[in-house]
Amino acid sequence: MEISQIIPHIEALIFASEKPLTALELSEYINNAFGFMEQQISLDQVESALDGIREKYSSEFYPFEVLQSGGGWQFLTKPEYHSTIAQLNGDKFIKKLSGAALETLSIIAYKQPITKGEIESIRGVNSDYSVQKLLEKELIIISGRNEELPGKPLIYATSKNFMDYFGLNSPEDLPKIKEVLAEEMIEPTEQKRTEENNEDFVIFKSEETDTAIETDIASQEDTITNE
């Protein structure tokens, strides 16, 4: 089968799949569909077809593209259309993670598998609320128990949803710590604390950078206070 004949089948599979599909999975599905063929489709052919599909949808004519994300290939809308499609999902789509939740998620991503006690040892505060929120959003999973520690505490790891959410294929795709530290750092300035009517959030505003950071303070243990 020619590459041009494989392409529409790959597009159909990626479009119909509820999860990202790897090149190996795509080749297996196509070969199963055409099991009567004497010559099986190779992985190289599928990868060549994927290159052609990526080039096809990179055109400005299409509002979506085919990208490798979440451990496989999937159709994703292009960034310039995100604010438009956000209206379809309302607050659930645009709601951001709190600073405490992001901090906890970062620790889990880089230290996984990790127990809640180890997370709290790094953060210095109780992290029950943040861990629970991340579980509810399905960004982390309980991957088992640490059999070597007293009480055999639960251990946490990032989920496939996390990979998909941040456009990663594996934890190895995370930015290296040394790369982050190498970036130019801005010294913090004195902060002004302003309470909004919404009791769930506090905004810390920097006079120098004129930026605002929303910090979820629904749990007192997760509140970061400036002395």
N, C-alpha and C. Protein backbone atom coordinates (compact mmCIF):
# COMPACT_ATOMS: atom_id res chain seq x y z
N MET A 1 0.84 -1.20 0.00
CA MET A 1 0.00 0.00 0.00
C MET A 1 0.88 1.25 0.00
N GLU A 2 0.54 2.21 -0.85
CA GLU A 2 1.30 3.45 -0.95
C GLU A 2 1.04 4.34 0.27
N ILE A 3 2.02 5.23 0.54
CA ILE A 3 1.90 6.16 1.68
C ILE A 3 0.62 7.00 1.55
N SER A 4 0.31 7.42 0.33
CA SER A 4 -0.88 8.25 0.11
C SER A 4 -2.16 7.51 0.48
N GLN A 5 -2.14 6.17 0.39
CA GLN A 5 -3.30 5.37 0.77
C GLN A 5 -3.38 5.14 2.27
N ILE A 6 -2.21 5.16 2.92
CA ILE A 6 -2.17 4.95 4.38
C ILE A 6 -2.66 6.18 5.12
N ILE A 7 -2.32 7.36 4.61
CA ILE A 7 -2.60 8.62 5.30
C ILE A 7 -4.05 8.78 5.76
N PRO A 8 -5.06 8.58 4.89
CA PRO A 8 -6.43 8.78 5.36
C PRO A 8 -6.84 7.81 6.47
N HIS A 9 -6.28 6.61 6.47
CA HIS A 9 -6.59 5.64 7.53
C HIS A 9 -5.98 6.10 8.87
N ILE A 10 -4.78 6.64 8.82
CA ILE A 10 -4.14 7.15 10.03
C ILE A 10 -4.92 8.36 10.56
N GLU A 11 -5.33 9.24 9.66
CA GLU A 11 -6.11 10.40 10.07
C GLU A 11 -7.42 9.97 10.74
N ALA A 12 -8.07 8.98 10.18
CA ALA A 12 -9.33 8.49 10.73
C ALA A 12 -9.13 7.89 12.12
N LEU A 13 -8.05 7.14 12.29
CA LEU A 13 -7.77 6.53 13.59
C LEU A 13 -7.48 7.57 14.66
N ILE A 14 -6.64 8.54 14.33
CA ILE A 14 -6.30 9.59 15.29
C ILE A 14 -7.53 10.42 15.64
N PHE A 15 -8.34 10.72 14.65
CA PHE A 15 -9.54 11.52 14.86
C PHE A 15 -10.55 10.80 15.75
N ALA A 16 -10.71 9.50 15.55
CA ALA A 16 -11.72 8.74 16.27
C ALA A 16 -11.28 8.28 17.66
N SER A 17 -9.98 8.25 17.89
CA SER A 17 -9.46 7.73 19.16
C SER A 17 -9.70 8.68 20.33
N GLU A 18 -10.04 8.12 21.48
CA GLU A 18 -10.23 8.91 22.69
C GLU A 18 -8.91 9.19 23.39
N LYS A 19 -7.85 8.53 22.96
CA LYS A 19 -6.54 8.72 23.58
C LYS A 19 -5.49 8.88 22.48
N PRO A 20 -4.34 9.47 22.81
CA PRO A 20 -3.26 9.58 21.82
C PRO A 20 -2.81 8.19 21.36
N LEU A 21 -2.49 8.07 20.09
CA LEU A 21 -2.06 6.80 19.53
C LEU A 21 -0.60 6.87 19.10
N THR A 22 0.17 5.85 19.44
CA THR A 22 1.56 5.78 19.03
C THR A 22 1.66 5.28 17.59
N ALA A 23 2.81 5.47 16.99
CA ALA A 23 3.03 4.98 15.63
C ALA A 23 2.88 3.46 15.57
N LEU A 24 3.34 2.78 16.63
CA LEU A 24 3.22 1.32 16.66
C LEU A 24 1.76 0.90 16.70
N GLU A 25 0.96 1.57 17.51
CA GLU A 25 -0.47 1.25 17.60
C GLU A 25 -1.16 1.50 16.26
N LEU A 26 -0.79 2.60 15.60
CA LEU A 26 -1.38 2.92 14.30
C LEU A 26 -1.07 1.83 13.27
N SER A 27 0.18 1.37 13.26
CA SER A 27 0.57 0.33 12.30
C SER A 27 -0.18 -0.97 12.58
N GLU A 28 -0.38 -1.29 13.86
CA GLU A 28 -1.09 -2.52 14.22
C GLU A 28 -2.56 -2.44 13.80
N TYR A 29 -3.18 -1.30 14.04
CA TYR A 29 -4.59 -1.14 13.67
C TYR A 29 -4.79 -1.25 12.17
N ILE A 30 -3.91 -0.61 11.42
CA ILE A 30 -4.04 -0.64 9.96
C ILE A 30 -3.79 -2.05 9.43
N ASN A 31 -2.78 -2.73 9.95
CA ASN A 31 -2.50 -4.09 9.51
C ASN A 31 -3.64 -5.04 9.86
N ASN A 32 -4.29 -4.82 11.01
CA ASN A 32 -5.44 -5.65 11.38
C ASN A 32 -6.61 -5.40 10.44
N ALA A 33 -6.77 -4.13 10.04
CA ALA A 33 -7.87 -3.79 9.14
C ALA A 33 -7.67 -4.39 7.75
N PHE A 34 -6.41 -4.52 7.34
CA PHE A 34 -6.09 -5.07 6.02
C PHE A 34 -5.30 -6.36 6.18
N GLY A 35 -5.81 -7.23 7.03
CA GLY A 35 -5.12 -8.47 7.34
C GLY A 35 -4.95 -9.41 6.16
N PHE A 36 -5.74 -9.20 5.13
CA PHE A 36 -5.65 -10.07 3.96
C PHE A 36 -4.46 -9.74 3.08
N MET A 37 -3.79 -8.58 3.35
CA MET A 37 -2.67 -8.17 2.51
C MET A 37 -1.46 -9.07 2.73
N GLU A 38 -0.76 -9.35 1.66
CA GLU A 38 0.43 -10.20 1.76
C GLU A 38 1.57 -9.46 2.45
N GLN A 39 1.70 -8.17 2.17
CA GLN A 39 2.80 -7.39 2.74
C GLN A 39 2.27 -6.44 3.81
N GLN A 40 2.76 -6.60 5.01
CA GLN A 40 2.31 -5.78 6.13
C GLN A 40 2.88 -4.36 6.02
N ILE A 41 2.15 -3.39 6.55
CA ILE A 41 2.63 -2.02 6.58
C ILE A 41 3.70 -1.90 7.67
N SER A 42 4.82 -1.29 7.36
CA SER A 42 5.92 -1.19 8.31
C SER A 42 5.78 0.06 9.17
N LEU A 43 6.52 0.06 10.27
CA LEU A 43 6.53 1.21 11.17
C LEU A 43 7.12 2.43 10.45
N ASP A 44 8.11 2.21 9.62
CA ASP A 44 8.73 3.31 8.85
C ASP A 44 7.71 3.96 7.93
N GLN A 45 6.84 3.17 7.32
CA GLN A 45 5.81 3.72 6.44
C GLN A 45 4.83 4.59 7.22
N VAL A 46 4.46 4.12 8.41
CA VAL A 46 3.54 4.89 9.24
C VAL A 46 4.17 6.21 9.66
N GLU A 47 5.43 6.17 10.04
CA GLU A 47 6.12 7.39 10.46
C GLU A 47 6.27 8.36 9.30
N SER A 48 6.51 7.84 8.10
CA SER A 48 6.59 8.70 6.91
C SER A 48 5.23 9.33 6.63
N ALA A 49 4.17 8.55 6.81
CA ALA A 49 2.82 9.06 6.61
C ALA A 49 2.50 10.15 7.64
N LEU A 50 2.96 9.96 8.86
CA LEU A 50 2.73 10.96 9.91
C LEU A 50 3.44 12.27 9.58
N ASP A 51 4.63 12.17 9.00
CA ASP A 51 5.34 13.38 8.58
C ASP A 51 4.53 14.13 7.54
N GLY A 52 3.93 13.39 6.61
CA GLY A 52 3.11 14.01 5.59
C GLY A 52 1.86 14.65 6.17
N ILE A 53 1.26 13.99 7.16
CA ILE A 53 0.06 14.52 7.81
C ILE A 53 0.38 15.80 8.57
N ARG A 54 1.50 15.80 9.28
CA ARG A 54 1.90 16.99 10.02
C ARG A 54 2.12 18.17 9.08
N GLU A 55 2.78 17.90 7.97
CA GLU A 55 3.02 18.97 7.00
C GLU A 55 1.70 19.48 6.42
N LYS A 56 0.78 18.58 6.16
CA LYS A 56 -0.52 18.95 5.60
C LYS A 56 -1.28 19.91 6.52
N TYR A 57 -1.35 19.58 7.80
CA TYR A 57 -2.14 20.37 8.73
C TYR A 57 -1.38 21.57 9.32
N SER A 58 -0.12 21.72 8.95
CA SER A 58 0.62 22.91 9.38
C SER A 58 0.19 24.14 8.60
N SER A 59 -0.54 23.93 7.51
CA SER A 59 -1.05 25.04 6.70
C SER A 59 -1.97 25.94 7.50
N GLU A 60 -1.93 27.24 7.24
CA GLU A 60 -2.79 28.19 7.93
C GLU A 60 -4.27 27.95 7.64
N PHE A 61 -4.54 27.17 6.61
CA PHE A 61 -5.92 26.87 6.23
C PHE A 61 -6.65 26.10 7.32
N TYR A 62 -5.89 25.28 8.10
CA TYR A 62 -6.50 24.43 9.12
C TYR A 62 -6.37 25.05 10.52
N PRO A 63 -7.45 25.04 11.32
CA PRO A 63 -7.38 25.57 12.68
C PRO A 63 -6.85 24.53 13.68
N PHE A 64 -6.54 23.35 13.20
CA PHE A 64 -6.03 22.28 14.06
C PHE A 64 -4.81 21.65 13.39
N GLU A 65 -4.10 20.82 14.17
CA GLU A 65 -2.90 20.16 13.66
C GLU A 65 -2.75 18.82 14.33
N VAL A 66 -1.86 18.00 13.81
CA VAL A 66 -1.56 16.70 14.41
C VAL A 66 -0.23 16.80 15.12
N LEU A 67 -0.26 16.55 16.44
CA LEU A 67 0.95 16.66 17.25
C LEU A 67 1.15 15.43 18.10
N GLN A 68 2.40 15.19 18.46
CA GLN A 68 2.72 14.10 19.38
C GLN A 68 2.66 14.67 20.78
N SER A 69 1.66 14.25 21.53
CA SER A 69 1.43 14.79 22.87
C SER A 69 0.72 13.74 23.71
N GLY A 70 1.07 13.68 25.00
CA GLY A 70 0.43 12.71 25.88
C GLY A 70 0.82 11.28 25.58
N GLY A 71 1.98 11.08 24.95
CA GLY A 71 2.46 9.73 24.68
C GLY A 71 2.07 9.19 23.33
N GLY A 72 1.44 10.00 22.48
CA GLY A 72 1.04 9.53 21.16
C GLY A 72 0.60 10.68 20.28
N TRP A 73 0.00 10.36 19.15
CA TRP A 73 -0.42 11.37 18.18
C TRP A 73 -1.89 11.69 18.35
N GLN A 74 -2.24 12.97 18.22
CA GLN A 74 -3.64 13.38 18.32
C GLN A 74 -3.87 14.70 17.60
N PHE A 75 -5.12 14.95 17.27
CA PHE A 75 -5.51 16.22 16.68
C PHE A 75 -5.68 17.24 17.80
N LEU A 76 -5.04 18.41 17.67
CA LEU A 76 -5.16 19.48 18.65
C LEU A 76 -5.40 20.80 17.94
N THR A 77 -6.25 21.65 18.52
CA THR A 77 -6.47 22.96 17.93
C THR A 77 -5.22 23.80 18.10
N LYS A 78 -4.99 24.69 17.17
CA LYS A 78 -3.82 25.56 17.22
C LYS A 78 -4.02 26.63 18.29
N PRO A 79 -2.92 27.10 18.91
CA PRO A 79 -3.01 28.04 20.04
C PRO A 79 -3.86 29.27 19.79
N GLU A 80 -3.84 29.80 18.57
CA GLU A 80 -4.57 31.04 18.30
C GLU A 80 -6.09 30.88 18.39
N TYR A 81 -6.57 29.62 18.50
CA TYR A 81 -8.01 29.38 18.58
C TYR A 81 -8.45 28.95 19.98
N HIS A 82 -7.53 28.91 20.92
CA HIS A 82 -7.85 28.42 22.26
C HIS A 82 -8.90 29.28 22.96
N SER A 83 -8.80 30.61 22.84
CA SER A 83 -9.77 31.47 23.53
C SER A 83 -11.17 31.32 22.94
N THR A 84 -11.24 30.95 21.66
CA THR A 84 -12.54 30.75 21.01
C THR A 84 -13.21 29.48 21.51
N ILE A 85 -12.47 28.36 21.52
CA ILE A 85 -13.08 27.09 21.93
C ILE A 85 -13.25 26.99 23.44
N ALA A 86 -12.57 27.85 24.20
CA ALA A 86 -12.73 27.85 25.66
C ALA A 86 -14.17 28.14 26.04
N GLN A 87 -14.89 28.85 25.19
CA GLN A 87 -16.28 29.20 25.48
C GLN A 87 -17.18 27.96 25.52
N LEU A 88 -16.77 26.89 24.86
CA LEU A 88 -17.58 25.68 24.84
C LEU A 88 -17.58 24.97 26.17
N ASN A 89 -16.52 25.14 26.94
CA ASN A 89 -16.38 24.40 28.19
C ASN A 89 -16.48 25.27 29.43
N GLY A 90 -16.67 26.56 29.24
CA GLY A 90 -16.89 27.45 30.36
C GLY A 90 -15.75 27.50 31.36
N ASP A 91 -16.10 27.71 32.63
CA ASP A 91 -15.12 27.88 33.70
C ASP A 91 -14.25 26.65 33.89
N LYS A 92 -14.80 25.47 33.61
CA LYS A 92 -14.03 24.25 33.81
C LYS A 92 -12.80 24.24 32.93
N PHE A 93 -12.92 24.80 31.74
CA PHE A 93 -11.82 24.80 30.79
C PHE A 93 -10.75 25.83 31.16
N ILE A 94 -11.19 27.03 31.57
CA ILE A 94 -10.25 28.12 31.76
C ILE A 94 -9.75 28.25 33.20
N LYS A 95 -10.31 27.47 34.12
CA LYS A 95 -9.90 27.58 35.52
C LYS A 95 -8.43 27.18 35.67
N LYS A 96 -7.68 28.02 36.36
CA LYS A 96 -6.25 27.78 36.51
C LYS A 96 -5.96 27.09 37.84
N LEU A 97 -4.82 26.43 37.90
CA LEU A 97 -4.37 25.83 39.14
C LEU A 97 -3.84 26.92 40.06
N SER A 98 -4.04 26.75 41.34
CA SER A 98 -3.50 27.71 42.31
C SER A 98 -1.99 27.57 42.38
N GLY A 99 -1.35 28.56 42.97
CA GLY A 99 0.10 28.50 43.12
C GLY A 99 0.53 27.31 43.95
N ALA A 100 -0.23 27.02 45.02
CA ALA A 100 0.10 25.89 45.88
C ALA A 100 -0.03 24.56 45.13
N ALA A 101 -1.08 24.45 44.31
CA ALA A 101 -1.29 23.22 43.54
C ALA A 101 -0.19 23.05 42.50
N LEU A 102 0.19 24.15 41.84
CA LEU A 102 1.26 24.07 40.85
C LEU A 102 2.58 23.68 41.49
N GLU A 103 2.83 24.21 42.67
CA GLU A 103 4.06 23.87 43.40
C GLU A 103 4.08 22.39 43.73
N THR A 104 2.96 21.89 44.23
CA THR A 104 2.85 20.48 44.57
C THR A 104 2.98 19.60 43.34
N LEU A 105 2.33 20.00 42.25
CA LEU A 105 2.40 19.25 41.00
C LEU A 105 3.82 19.20 40.47
N SER A 106 4.54 20.31 40.58
CA SER A 106 5.93 20.35 40.11
C SER A 106 6.81 19.37 40.89
N ILE A 107 6.60 19.33 42.20
CA ILE A 107 7.38 18.41 43.03
C ILE A 107 7.10 16.96 42.65
N ILE A 108 5.83 16.64 42.45
CA ILE A 108 5.46 15.28 42.06
C ILE A 108 6.05 14.93 40.70
N ALA A 109 5.98 15.88 39.76
CA ALA A 109 6.47 15.63 38.40
C ALA A 109 7.96 15.31 38.40
N TYR A 110 8.74 16.04 39.19
CA TYR A 110 10.19 15.87 39.18
C TYR A 110 10.69 14.81 40.14
N LYS A 111 9.89 14.47 41.18
CA LYS A 111 10.36 13.53 42.20
C LYS A 111 9.62 12.20 42.19
N GLN A 112 8.66 12.03 41.29
CA GLN A 112 7.84 10.82 41.29
C GLN A 112 8.67 9.55 41.11
N PRO A 113 8.19 8.44 41.73
CA PRO A 113 7.05 8.35 42.64
C PRO A 113 7.40 8.93 44.01
N ILE A 114 6.44 9.56 44.67
CA ILE A 114 6.72 10.27 45.90
C ILE A 114 5.53 10.20 46.84
N THR A 115 5.79 10.15 48.14
CA THR A 115 4.71 10.11 49.13
C THR A 115 4.32 11.53 49.52
N LYS A 116 3.15 11.66 50.15
CA LYS A 116 2.70 12.98 50.59
C LYS A 116 3.63 13.54 51.67
N GLY A 117 4.15 12.66 52.50
CA GLY A 117 5.09 13.10 53.53
C GLY A 117 6.34 13.70 52.93
N GLU A 118 6.83 13.11 51.86
CA GLU A 118 8.01 13.63 51.17
C GLU A 118 7.70 14.96 50.49
N ILE A 119 6.49 15.10 49.95
CA ILE A 119 6.07 16.36 49.35
C ILE A 119 6.07 17.47 50.40
N GLU A 120 5.49 17.16 51.56
CA GLU A 120 5.39 18.14 52.64
C GLU A 120 6.76 18.49 53.22
N SER A 121 7.67 17.52 53.18
CA SER A 121 9.03 17.79 53.66
C SER A 121 9.72 18.81 52.77
N ILE A 122 9.44 18.75 51.47
CA ILE A 122 10.03 19.70 50.53
C ILE A 122 9.35 21.06 50.62
N ARG A 123 8.02 21.06 50.69
CA ARG A 123 7.25 22.31 50.70
C ARG A 123 7.28 23.00 52.06
N GLY A 124 7.34 22.21 53.12
CA GLY A 124 7.34 22.79 54.45
C GLY A 124 5.96 23.09 55.01
N VAL A 125 4.91 22.67 54.30
CA VAL A 125 3.54 22.89 54.76
C VAL A 125 2.70 21.65 54.45
N ASN A 126 1.56 21.55 55.13
CA ASN A 126 0.62 20.47 54.87
C ASN A 126 0.10 20.58 53.44
N SER A 127 0.04 19.46 52.73
CA SER A 127 -0.34 19.49 51.32
C SER A 127 -1.57 18.65 51.01
N ASP A 128 -2.37 18.35 52.02
CA ASP A 128 -3.57 17.54 51.80
C ASP A 128 -4.49 18.14 50.74
N TYR A 129 -4.76 19.44 50.87
CA TYR A 129 -5.71 20.10 49.98
C TYR A 129 -5.20 20.11 48.54
N SER A 130 -3.93 20.44 48.35
CA SER A 130 -3.37 20.50 47.01
C SER A 130 -3.36 19.12 46.34
N VAL A 131 -2.97 18.10 47.09
CA VAL A 131 -2.94 16.74 46.54
C VAL A 131 -4.35 16.31 46.14
N GLN A 132 -5.34 16.62 47.00
CA GLN A 132 -6.71 16.25 46.70
C GLN A 132 -7.21 16.93 45.44
N LYS A 133 -6.89 18.22 45.29
CA LYS A 133 -7.32 18.96 44.10
C LYS A 133 -6.69 18.38 42.83
N LEU A 134 -5.43 18.01 42.91
CA LEU A 134 -4.74 17.44 41.75
C LEU A 134 -5.31 16.07 41.39
N LEU A 135 -5.73 15.31 42.40
CA LEU A 135 -6.38 14.03 42.14
C LEU A 135 -7.73 14.24 41.47
N GLU A 136 -8.48 15.25 41.95
CA GLU A 136 -9.79 15.54 41.37
C GLU A 136 -9.67 15.97 39.91
N LYS A 137 -8.62 16.70 39.59
CA LYS A 137 -8.41 17.16 38.21
C LYS A 137 -7.74 16.08 37.36
N GLU A 138 -7.43 14.93 38.00
CA GLU A 138 -6.83 13.79 37.30
C GLU A 138 -5.48 14.13 36.68
N LEU A 139 -4.74 15.04 37.34
CA LEU A 139 -3.39 15.37 36.90
C LEU A 139 -2.35 14.47 37.56
N ILE A 140 -2.74 13.85 38.68
CA ILE A 140 -1.87 12.89 39.34
C ILE A 140 -2.69 11.63 39.66
N ILE A 141 -1.99 10.55 39.94
CA ILE A 141 -2.64 9.29 40.29
C ILE A 141 -1.95 8.69 41.52
N ILE A 142 -2.66 7.81 42.19
CA ILE A 142 -2.04 7.01 43.26
C ILE A 142 -1.47 5.78 42.58
N SER A 143 -0.15 5.66 42.60
CA SER A 143 0.50 4.58 41.84
C SER A 143 0.87 3.38 42.70
N GLY A 144 0.52 3.42 43.99
CA GLY A 144 0.83 2.29 44.85
C GLY A 144 1.13 2.74 46.27
N ARG A 145 1.88 1.93 46.99
CA ARG A 145 2.30 2.24 48.37
C ARG A 145 3.79 2.00 48.52
N ASN A 146 4.40 2.78 49.38
CA ASN A 146 5.81 2.57 49.70
C ASN A 146 5.90 1.53 50.80
N GLU A 147 6.25 0.32 50.42
CA GLU A 147 6.26 -0.80 51.36
C GLU A 147 7.38 -0.70 52.38
N GLU A 148 8.36 0.17 52.14
CA GLU A 148 9.53 0.25 53.02
C GLU A 148 9.35 1.25 54.15
N LEU A 149 8.36 2.15 54.04
CA LEU A 149 8.14 3.17 55.06
C LEU A 149 7.06 2.73 56.04
N PRO A 150 7.15 3.21 57.30
CA PRO A 150 6.13 2.86 58.30
C PRO A 150 4.74 3.29 57.82
N GLY A 151 3.77 2.39 57.99
CA GLY A 151 2.41 2.70 57.58
C GLY A 151 2.15 2.49 56.11
N LYS A 152 3.20 2.17 55.35
CA LYS A 152 3.09 1.96 53.90
C LYS A 152 2.26 3.07 53.24
N PRO A 153 2.77 4.32 53.27
CA PRO A 153 2.01 5.45 52.72
C PRO A 153 1.81 5.36 51.22
N LEU A 154 0.76 6.01 50.74
CA LEU A 154 0.47 6.06 49.31
C LEU A 154 1.57 6.83 48.59
N ILE A 155 1.84 6.42 47.37
CA ILE A 155 2.79 7.16 46.55
C ILE A 155 2.07 7.72 45.32
N TYR A 156 2.51 8.90 44.90
CA TYR A 156 1.84 9.62 43.82
C TYR A 156 2.76 9.79 42.62
N ALA A 157 2.13 9.86 41.45
CA ALA A 157 2.86 10.09 40.20
C ALA A 157 1.95 10.89 39.27
N THR A 158 2.53 11.48 38.25
CA THR A 158 1.73 12.22 37.28
C THR A 158 0.94 11.24 36.40
N SER A 159 -0.18 11.70 35.88
CA SER A 159 -1.07 10.85 35.07
C SER A 159 -0.84 11.10 33.58
N LYS A 160 -1.50 10.30 32.75
CA LYS A 160 -1.46 10.53 31.31
C LYS A 160 -2.14 11.85 30.97
N ASN A 161 -3.16 12.22 31.79
CA ASN A 161 -3.82 13.51 31.59
C ASN A 161 -2.84 14.67 31.79
N PHE A 162 -1.92 14.49 32.74
CA PHE A 162 -0.90 15.51 32.98
C PHE A 162 -0.04 15.68 31.74
N MET A 163 0.39 14.57 31.16
CA MET A 163 1.22 14.61 29.95
C MET A 163 0.47 15.32 28.82
N ASP A 164 -0.80 14.97 28.69
CA ASP A 164 -1.61 15.56 27.64
C ASP A 164 -1.83 17.05 27.89
N TYR A 165 -2.11 17.40 29.15
CA TYR A 165 -2.41 18.78 29.53
C TYR A 165 -1.23 19.71 29.22
N PHE A 166 -0.02 19.22 29.48
CA PHE A 166 1.16 20.05 29.28
C PHE A 166 1.91 19.73 27.99
N GLY A 167 1.32 18.88 27.14
CA GLY A 167 1.93 18.60 25.85
C GLY A 167 3.23 17.82 25.94
N LEU A 168 3.31 16.89 26.89
CA LEU A 168 4.52 16.10 27.09
C LEU A 168 4.27 14.65 26.68
N ASN A 169 5.32 13.96 26.32
CA ASN A 169 5.20 12.55 25.98
C ASN A 169 5.69 11.64 27.11
N SER A 170 6.55 12.17 27.97
CA SER A 170 7.07 11.42 29.11
C SER A 170 7.68 12.41 30.10
N PRO A 171 7.91 11.99 31.36
CA PRO A 171 8.55 12.89 32.33
C PRO A 171 9.91 13.40 31.88
N GLU A 172 10.56 12.66 30.98
CA GLU A 172 11.87 13.09 30.48
C GLU A 172 11.77 14.37 29.65
N ASP A 173 10.57 14.70 29.19
CA ASP A 173 10.38 15.92 28.40
C ASP A 173 10.27 17.18 29.25
N LEU A 174 10.19 17.00 30.56
CA LEU A 174 10.12 18.17 31.45
C LEU A 174 11.41 18.98 31.34
N PRO A 175 11.32 20.31 31.49
CA PRO A 175 12.54 21.14 31.46
C PRO A 175 13.50 20.70 32.55
N LYS A 176 14.78 20.65 32.23
CA LYS A 176 15.78 20.28 33.22
C LYS A 176 15.94 21.40 34.24
N ILE A 177 16.13 21.02 35.50
CA ILE A 177 16.24 22.00 36.58
C ILE A 177 17.36 23.00 36.29
N LYS A 178 18.48 22.51 35.80
CA LYS A 178 19.61 23.41 35.55
C LYS A 178 19.27 24.41 34.45
N GLU A 179 18.39 24.03 33.52
CA GLU A 179 17.98 24.95 32.48
C GLU A 179 17.10 26.06 33.05
N VAL A 180 16.24 25.68 33.99
CA VAL A 180 15.36 26.66 34.63
C VAL A 180 16.17 27.65 35.46
N LEU A 181 17.14 27.10 36.22
CA LEU A 181 17.95 27.95 37.08
C LEU A 181 18.87 28.86 36.28
N ALA A 182 19.18 28.46 35.05
CA ALA A 182 20.08 29.26 34.21
C ALA A 182 19.41 30.51 33.67
N GLU A 183 18.06 30.52 33.69
CA GLU A 183 17.34 31.68 33.18
C GLU A 183 17.52 32.87 34.13
N GLU A 184 17.41 34.05 33.58
CA GLU A 184 17.60 35.26 34.38
C GLU A 184 16.55 35.35 35.47
N MET A 185 16.99 35.59 36.68
CA MET A 185 16.08 35.69 37.82
C MET A 185 15.81 37.15 38.14
N ILE A 186 14.58 37.45 38.54
CA ILE A 186 14.19 38.81 38.94
C ILE A 186 14.02 38.84 40.45
N GLU A 187 14.75 39.72 41.10
CA GLU A 187 14.65 39.82 42.54
C GLU A 187 13.26 40.31 42.94
N PRO A 188 12.64 39.67 43.94
CA PRO A 188 11.31 40.10 44.38
C PRO A 188 11.36 41.46 45.06
N THR A 189 10.31 42.22 44.91
CA THR A 189 10.18 43.51 45.59
C THR A 189 9.12 43.41 46.67
N GLU A 190 9.02 44.44 47.47
CA GLU A 190 8.03 44.43 48.54
C GLU A 190 6.64 44.28 47.94
N GLN A 191 5.86 43.38 48.53
CA GLN A 191 4.55 43.06 47.99
C GLN A 191 3.44 43.82 48.73
N LYS A 192 2.43 44.19 47.98
CA LYS A 192 1.24 44.78 48.57
C LYS A 192 0.13 43.74 48.52
N ARG A 193 -0.49 43.48 49.64
CA ARG A 193 -1.54 42.47 49.72
C ARG A 193 -2.89 43.15 49.61
N THR A 194 -3.70 42.69 48.64
CA THR A 194 -5.02 43.25 48.42
C THR A 194 -6.04 42.14 48.41
N GLU A 195 -7.01 42.17 49.30
CA GLU A 195 -8.01 41.13 49.35
C GLU A 195 -9.16 41.48 48.43
N GLU A 196 -9.56 40.51 47.58
CA GLU A 196 -10.70 40.68 46.70
C GLU A 196 -11.97 40.22 47.42
N ASN A 197 -13.11 40.50 46.83
CA ASN A 197 -14.37 40.09 47.41
C ASN A 197 -14.48 38.57 47.47
N ASN A 198 -13.85 37.89 46.49
CA ASN A 198 -13.87 36.44 46.48
C ASN A 198 -12.94 35.92 47.56
N GLU A 199 -13.51 35.27 48.57
CA GLU A 199 -12.72 34.86 49.73
C GLU A 199 -11.77 33.71 49.42
N ASP A 200 -11.93 33.08 48.25
CA ASP A 200 -11.07 31.95 47.91
C ASP A 200 -9.73 32.37 47.36
N PHE A 201 -9.56 33.64 47.03
CA PHE A 201 -8.32 34.07 46.40
C PHE A 201 -7.77 35.33 47.05
N VAL A 202 -6.44 35.44 47.00
CA VAL A 202 -5.76 36.66 47.43
C VAL A 202 -4.80 37.03 46.31
N ILE A 203 -4.70 38.32 45.98
CA ILE A 203 -3.81 38.76 44.90
C ILE A 203 -2.62 39.47 45.51
N PHE A 204 -1.42 39.02 45.17
CA PHE A 204 -0.19 39.67 45.60
C PHE A 204 0.34 40.43 44.40
N LYS A 205 0.44 41.76 44.53
CA LYS A 205 0.83 42.58 43.39
C LYS A 205 2.20 43.20 43.62
N SER A 206 3.08 43.06 42.63
CA SER A 206 4.41 43.62 42.70
C SER A 206 4.43 44.97 41.99
N GLU A 207 4.95 46.02 42.68
CA GLU A 207 5.01 47.34 42.08
C GLU A 207 5.96 47.37 40.89
N GLU A 208 7.06 46.59 40.97
CA GLU A 208 8.08 46.64 39.92
C GLU A 208 7.64 45.94 38.65
N THR A 209 7.10 44.74 38.81
CA THR A 209 6.74 43.96 37.63
C THR A 209 5.30 44.15 37.20
N ASP A 210 4.49 44.74 38.11
CA ASP A 210 3.08 45.00 37.82
C ASP A 210 2.36 43.73 37.38
N THR A 211 2.67 42.62 38.08
CA THR A 211 2.00 41.35 37.77
C THR A 211 1.21 40.89 38.98
N ALA A 212 0.19 40.12 38.73
CA ALA A 212 -0.64 39.61 39.82
C ALA A 212 -0.65 38.10 39.78
N ILE A 213 -0.52 37.50 40.95
CA ILE A 213 -0.50 36.05 41.06
C ILE A 213 -1.64 35.62 41.96
N GLU A 214 -2.52 34.80 41.45
CA GLU A 214 -3.63 34.31 42.24
C GLU A 214 -3.20 33.08 43.00
N THR A 215 -3.38 33.11 44.31
CA THR A 215 -2.98 32.00 45.16
C THR A 215 -4.19 31.45 45.89
N ASP A 216 -4.49 30.20 45.68
CA ASP A 216 -5.63 29.56 46.31
C ASP A 216 -5.36 29.43 47.80
N ILE A 217 -6.23 30.01 48.65
CA ILE A 217 -6.01 29.95 50.10
C ILE A 217 -7.17 29.26 50.79
N ALA A 218 -7.87 28.39 50.05
CA ALA A 218 -8.99 27.69 50.66
C ALA A 218 -8.54 26.85 51.84
N SER A 219 -7.25 26.39 51.80
CA SER A 219 -6.68 25.65 52.91
C SER A 219 -5.62 26.50 53.57
N GLN A 220 -5.72 26.70 54.88
CA GLN A 220 -4.77 27.56 55.58
C GLN A 220 -3.35 27.02 55.49
N GLU A 221 -3.22 25.68 55.40
CA GLU A 221 -1.88 25.11 55.33
C GLU A 221 -1.18 25.46 54.03
N ASP A 222 -1.96 25.75 52.97
CA ASP A 222 -1.37 26.02 51.67
C ASP A 222 -1.19 27.51 51.42
N THR A 223 -1.53 28.35 52.41
CA THR A 223 -1.38 29.80 52.21
C THR A 223 0.07 30.21 52.35
N ILE A 224 0.57 31.00 51.40
CA ILE A 224 1.93 31.53 51.46
C ILE A 224 1.84 32.96 51.93
N THR A 225 2.44 33.29 53.04
CA THR A 225 2.36 34.63 53.57
C THR A 225 3.70 35.32 53.45
N ASN A 226 3.67 36.63 53.16
CA ASN A 226 4.88 37.43 53.06
C ASN A 226 5.10 38.18 54.38
N GLU A 227 6.22 37.98 54.95
CA GLU A 227 6.51 38.65 56.21
C GLU A 227 7.05 40.04 55.94
